[in-house]
Amino acid sequence: MPTTTRPTAPSASVLVARVGKALAVTVVAVALSHLILSDGLFLSLAGQAAANMGSGPGYSSDESFTSAVVNTTLTMALVLWAGMRLLRERRVYVMVLVGAVGWFLTVMGNVGTLLERAYGVLPLAPMALFVVVTALASVILRPARR
């Protein structure tokens, strides 16, 4: 009869290292996604201003806004996944899901501050909360030790 052994829980240092990697990747993902978002929203504002002056740019400002939000959410998910895989972390699906949904909710909750002026910046507190929650989500589905 084969003996079965229970998988041992990873040590605290392994979990701290994983959260540290997730923190670094999330900060890079936020920077890149915020850049894409602010550029897309600037394009939306420019299209809206041109339409108000009588000569539209050939696209709707609503289309620009929607594409900016979709592109930034997809960028967040892709950078989180690719960054963690490049750092040789496995099973990061929960982190990517929390990051993509959390970024969408953070952006939509604070889009008013971005639309006040061209190249606006999201408030620091929601971005910091997003980074911490996403980094902590990386330990939810950690790899099992063999």
Protein backbone atom coordinates (compact mmCIF):
# COMPACT_ATOMS: atom_id res chain seq x y z
CA MET A 1 0.00 0.00 0.00
CA PRO A 2 1.58 3.28 -1.04
CA THR A 3 2.01 5.86 1.60
CA THR A 4 0.57 9.26 0.94
CA THR A 5 2.18 12.39 2.11
CA ARG A 6 0.48 15.67 2.49
CA PRO A 7 1.95 18.58 0.62
CA THR A 8 3.76 20.88 2.97
CA ALA A 9 2.82 24.49 3.15
CA PRO A 10 5.34 26.87 1.64
CA SER A 11 7.51 28.75 4.07
CA ALA A 12 6.94 32.38 4.93
CA SER A 13 9.98 33.43 2.91
CA VAL A 14 8.52 31.85 -0.24
CA LEU A 15 5.26 33.72 0.26
CA VAL A 16 7.04 37.01 0.95
CA ALA A 17 9.14 36.56 -2.20
CA ARG A 18 6.01 35.88 -4.25
CA VAL A 19 4.24 38.96 -2.87
CA GLY A 20 7.37 41.04 -3.54
CA LYS A 21 7.45 39.89 -7.15
CA ALA A 22 3.73 40.56 -7.48
CA LEU A 23 4.17 44.03 -6.01
CA ALA A 24 6.89 44.92 -8.52
CA VAL A 25 4.93 43.54 -11.48
CA THR A 26 1.76 45.32 -10.37
CA VAL A 27 3.52 48.69 -10.11
CA VAL A 28 4.87 48.29 -13.65
CA ALA A 29 1.43 47.21 -14.89
CA VAL A 30 -0.23 50.23 -13.25
CA ALA A 31 2.28 52.62 -14.83
CA LEU A 32 1.81 51.17 -18.31
CA SER A 33 -1.96 50.87 -18.03
CA HIS A 34 -2.28 54.41 -16.70
CA LEU A 35 -0.24 55.73 -19.62
CA ILE A 36 -2.48 53.95 -22.12
CA LEU A 37 -5.58 55.16 -20.29
CA SER A 38 -4.55 58.81 -20.16
CA ASP A 39 -3.56 58.82 -23.84
CA GLY A 40 -6.87 57.24 -24.83
CA LEU A 41 -8.86 59.67 -22.73
CA PHE A 42 -6.93 62.59 -24.23
CA LEU A 43 -7.92 61.33 -27.67
CA SER A 44 -11.54 61.17 -26.48
CA LEU A 45 -11.39 64.74 -25.15
CA ALA A 46 -9.81 65.97 -28.38
CA GLY A 47 -12.53 64.28 -30.43
CA GLN A 48 -15.23 65.79 -28.26
CA ALA A 49 -13.71 69.28 -28.58
CA ALA A 50 -13.41 68.93 -32.35
CA ALA A 51 -17.02 67.80 -32.63
CA ASN A 52 -18.15 70.78 -30.57
CA MET A 53 -16.31 73.11 -32.94
CA GLY A 54 -18.01 71.60 -35.97
CA SER A 55 -15.36 69.34 -37.46
CA GLY A 56 -15.30 65.85 -36.07
CA PRO A 57 -12.19 63.68 -36.30
CA GLY A 58 -14.05 60.78 -37.92
CA TYR A 59 -14.65 58.83 -34.73
CA SER A 60 -16.94 59.26 -31.80
CA SER A 61 -15.54 60.43 -28.48
CA ASP A 62 -17.59 57.61 -26.91
CA GLU A 63 -15.74 55.10 -29.06
CA SER A 64 -12.41 56.54 -27.95
CA PHE A 65 -13.45 56.41 -24.30
CA THR A 66 -14.63 52.82 -24.57
CA SER A 67 -11.51 51.69 -26.39
CA ALA A 68 -9.31 53.46 -23.81
CA VAL A 69 -11.01 51.61 -20.94
CA VAL A 70 -10.95 48.25 -22.72
CA ASN A 71 -7.32 48.65 -23.82
CA THR A 72 -6.13 49.61 -20.34
CA THR A 73 -7.96 46.66 -18.75
CA LEU A 74 -6.54 44.21 -21.28
CA THR A 75 -3.07 45.70 -20.84
CA MET A 76 -3.32 45.27 -17.08
CA ALA A 77 -4.21 41.59 -17.40
CA LEU A 78 -1.52 40.90 -19.99
CA VAL A 79 1.28 42.68 -18.12
CA LEU A 80 0.37 41.00 -14.82
CA TRP A 81 0.36 37.55 -16.40
CA ALA A 82 3.50 38.03 -18.51
CA GLY A 83 5.42 39.71 -15.71
CA MET A 84 4.73 36.96 -13.21
CA ARG A 85 5.53 34.27 -15.77
CA LEU A 86 8.82 35.99 -16.61
CA LEU A 87 9.66 35.91 -12.90
CA ARG A 88 8.93 32.16 -12.99
CA GLU A 89 5.81 32.23 -10.88
CA ARG A 90 3.08 29.76 -11.71
CA ARG A 91 -0.66 29.74 -11.10
CA VAL A 92 -1.22 33.48 -11.21
CA TYR A 93 -4.74 33.33 -12.62
CA VAL A 94 -6.44 34.67 -9.49
CA MET A 95 -4.01 37.58 -9.36
CA VAL A 96 -4.64 38.41 -13.02
CA LEU A 97 -8.41 38.22 -12.53
CA VAL A 98 -8.32 40.38 -9.39
CA GLY A 99 -5.99 42.82 -11.14
CA ALA A 100 -8.08 43.20 -14.30
CA VAL A 101 -11.40 43.56 -12.50
CA GLY A 102 -9.89 45.76 -9.79
CA TRP A 103 -8.26 48.05 -12.35
CA PHE A 104 -11.53 48.39 -14.27
CA LEU A 105 -13.38 49.29 -11.06
CA THR A 106 -10.63 51.70 -9.98
CA VAL A 107 -10.68 53.45 -13.33
CA MET A 108 -14.46 53.67 -13.59
CA GLY A 109 -14.75 54.89 -10.00
CA ASN A 110 -12.25 57.69 -10.55
CA VAL A 111 -12.74 58.55 -14.21
CA GLY A 112 -14.14 61.94 -13.26
CA THR A 113 -10.74 63.11 -12.04
CA LEU A 114 -9.17 61.95 -15.29
CA LEU A 115 -11.68 63.80 -17.44
CA GLU A 116 -11.26 67.11 -15.62
CA ARG A 117 -8.17 67.96 -17.64
CA ALA A 118 -5.99 66.46 -20.33
CA TYR A 119 -3.47 63.91 -19.05
CA GLY A 120 -5.04 63.75 -15.60
CA VAL A 121 -3.75 61.35 -13.00
CA LEU A 122 -5.77 58.89 -10.93
CA PRO A 123 -5.74 59.66 -7.19
CA LEU A 124 -2.89 58.00 -5.33
CA ALA A 125 -4.97 56.32 -2.61
CA PRO A 126 -7.11 54.15 -4.94
CA MET A 127 -4.05 53.20 -6.98
CA ALA A 128 -2.10 52.24 -3.84
CA LEU A 129 -5.04 50.17 -2.57
CA PHE A 130 -5.28 48.47 -5.96
CA VAL A 131 -1.56 47.60 -5.94
CA VAL A 132 -1.72 46.14 -2.42
CA VAL A 133 -4.86 44.06 -3.05
CA THR A 134 -3.54 42.71 -6.35
CA ALA A 135 -0.16 41.82 -4.85
CA LEU A 136 -1.82 40.04 -1.93
CA ALA A 137 -4.06 38.13 -4.34
CA SER A 138 -0.94 36.43 -5.68
CA VAL A 139 -0.78 34.12 -2.64
CA ILE A 140 -4.37 32.88 -2.95
CA LEU A 141 -3.54 30.20 -5.51
CA ARG A 142 0.05 29.37 -4.82
CA PRO A 143 1.81 26.41 -6.39
CA ALA A 144 1.76 23.17 -4.46
CA ARG A 145 5.09 21.79 -3.37
CA ARG A 146 5.92 18.38 -4.76
